[in-house]
Protein backbone atom coordinates (compact mmCIF):
# COMPACT_ATOMS: atom_id res chain seq x y z
CA MET A 1 77.05 158.05 42.73
CA MET A 2 76.92 155.32 39.36
CA TYR A 3 74.38 153.11 41.55
CA LYS A 4 71.80 156.35 42.47
CA ASN A 5 71.53 157.42 38.42
CA LEU A 6 70.84 153.91 37.76
CA LYS A 7 68.20 153.87 40.03
CA ILE A 8 66.74 157.18 39.28
CA TYR A 9 67.13 155.98 35.23
CA LEU A 10 65.36 152.77 35.85
CA ASN A 11 62.55 154.24 38.25
CA GLY A 12 62.95 152.35 41.12
CA GLN A 13 64.55 149.28 42.52
CA ILE A 14 67.36 147.72 40.23
CA ASP A 15 68.31 143.71 39.69
CA GLU A 16 71.46 142.59 39.30
CA ILE A 17 72.19 139.56 37.00
CA VAL A 18 75.21 137.92 37.13
CA TYR A 19 76.68 136.98 33.94
CA LYS A 20 79.86 135.48 33.12
CA ASP A 21 82.27 138.46 34.11
CA ILE A 22 79.63 140.88 34.28
CA VAL A 23 76.39 142.40 36.11
CA ILE A 24 73.53 143.08 33.65
CA VAL A 25 71.54 145.65 35.61
CA CYS A 26 67.72 145.89 35.10
CA LYS A 27 64.60 147.38 36.92
CA LYS A 28 63.63 145.16 39.63
CA ASN A 29 59.73 144.87 38.75
CA ARG A 30 59.69 144.48 34.70
CA ASN A 31 57.23 142.17 33.85
CA ASN A 32 55.05 144.82 32.28
CA LEU A 33 57.94 145.76 30.08
CA LYS A 34 59.22 144.54 26.44
CA PRO A 35 61.50 141.62 26.46
CA ASN A 36 65.22 143.40 25.29
CA ILE A 37 67.27 140.08 25.50
CA ALA A 38 67.59 136.52 26.19
CA ILE A 39 70.64 135.46 28.07
CA THR A 40 71.49 131.40 28.82
CA LYS A 41 72.80 130.96 32.45
CA ASP A 42 72.19 127.62 33.90
CA LEU A 43 71.30 124.02 31.93
CA ASN A 44 71.37 125.95 28.85
CA ILE A 45 67.68 127.33 29.47
CA PRO A 46 67.13 130.80 28.03
CA GLU A 47 66.09 133.86 30.17
CA THR A 48 64.41 136.76 28.84
CA ILE A 49 65.58 140.25 30.37
CA LYS A 50 63.06 142.95 29.73
CA GLY A 51 63.42 146.58 29.65
CA ASN A 52 66.58 148.83 29.71
CA LEU A 53 69.90 147.10 30.97
CA PHE A 54 73.02 148.27 31.79
CA ILE A 55 76.23 145.69 31.58
CA VAL A 56 78.74 146.67 34.58
CA CYS A 57 81.03 145.05 36.82
CA LYS A 58 81.32 145.09 40.18
CA SER A 59 84.24 145.04 42.55
CA ASN A 60 83.99 145.20 46.18
CA ASN A 61 80.04 145.91 46.17
CA GLU A 62 80.19 148.82 43.45
CA PHE A 63 79.83 149.42 40.16
CA LYS A 64 82.57 149.37 37.96
CA SER A 65 82.86 150.04 34.14
CA VAL A 66 83.45 147.22 31.46
CA SER A 67 87.03 146.51 30.11
CA LYS A 68 87.73 147.73 26.55
CA ALA A 69 87.66 143.90 25.73
CA GLN A 70 84.53 143.32 27.33
CA ALA A 71 82.95 146.07 25.85
CA VAL A 72 83.36 144.73 22.47
CA GLU A 73 82.71 140.90 23.63
CA TYR A 74 79.31 142.45 24.89
CA VAL A 75 78.18 144.83 21.83
CA LEU A 76 78.34 141.84 20.03
CA PHE A 77 76.89 139.87 22.42
CA LEU A 78 74.17 142.26 22.77
CA LYS A 79 73.63 142.44 18.87
CA LYS A 80 73.45 138.91 19.03
CA SER A 81 70.62 138.47 21.87
CA SER A 82 68.47 141.23 21.13
CA PHE A 83 64.78 141.00 20.22
CA HIS A 84 65.55 143.85 17.44
CA TYR A 85 62.26 145.50 17.75
CA ASP A 86 61.78 148.10 14.49
CA ASN A 87 60.71 150.94 16.87
CA LEU A 88 63.11 152.14 19.43
CA GLU A 89 61.14 154.38 21.96
CA VAL A 90 64.29 155.79 23.09
CA SER A 91 67.22 156.51 21.69
CA ASN A 92 70.92 156.12 22.94
CA LEU A 93 71.32 159.95 23.19
CA ASP A 94 67.51 160.59 24.82
CA MET A 95 69.06 157.71 28.11
CA LEU A 96 72.18 159.66 28.30
CA LYS A 97 70.49 163.04 28.45
CA GLU A 98 68.35 161.56 31.29
CA MET A 99 70.82 160.36 33.08
CA ASN A 100 72.64 163.95 32.50
CA ILE A 101 75.71 162.71 32.03
CA PRO A 102 77.40 165.31 29.61
CA LEU A 103 78.23 164.41 26.13
CA LYS A 104 81.58 166.47 24.40
CA ILE A 105 80.62 166.86 20.49
CA VAL A 106 84.41 167.90 19.11
CA LYS A 107 83.37 169.54 15.73
CA GLN A 108 85.92 169.04 13.03
CA ASN A 109 86.46 171.88 10.41
CA SER A 110 88.48 170.51 7.67
CA LYS A 111 87.99 168.18 5.14
CA LYS A 112 91.48 166.43 5.68
CA GLU A 113 90.89 165.79 9.76
CA ASN A 114 87.22 164.59 8.27
CA ASP A 115 89.26 161.74 5.63
CA GLU A 116 92.17 161.06 8.31
CA THR A 117 88.82 160.03 10.79
CA LEU A 118 87.41 157.90 8.34
CA LYS A 119 90.60 156.30 7.80
CA MET A 120 91.49 155.60 11.19
CA ILE A 121 87.91 154.38 11.73
CA LEU A 122 88.33 152.04 8.74
CA GLY A 123 91.49 150.95 10.37
CA ILE A 124 89.40 150.27 13.76
CA GLN A 125 86.95 148.18 12.06
CA ALA A 126 89.26 146.17 9.91
CA VAL A 127 91.02 145.16 13.29
CA ILE A 128 87.78 144.19 14.93
CA LEU A 129 86.87 142.04 11.50
CA LYS A 130 89.98 140.33 11.94
CA PHE A 131 89.75 139.69 15.57
CA ILE A 132 86.33 138.55 14.71
CA ASP A 133 86.90 136.47 11.99
CA GLY A 134 89.65 134.77 14.40
CA MET A 135 87.84 133.87 16.99
CA LYS A 136 85.70 131.68 14.74
CA ASN A 137 88.44 129.57 13.42
């Protein structure tokens, strides 16, 4: 199911680029697309990946979701390796809508719930920053 959705979203054949413990899935014919990220694989030679891409795991020839630890690691990786264009053509929300991925929006009603949610998010950010700081040392 996921393979079919990726092929539909990427408009045709897909290419699978193995990178460390993940697979980068992108459009096979991407020569005329805008560069998205640069990765370094073999012999420390940078490789540019053009167009939209997805990061997944692969097991028994099937795509699988990345783990939470991989998600954190590769969000930082994507930010670092991105070309950072100012004008994004497609937002993440638009991509999810195109792939027919249902979005669940939970409406919070009270200021107390909003404050508790904000404290939780700030706590998570603090833990992530401590983790990143610990990785540097």
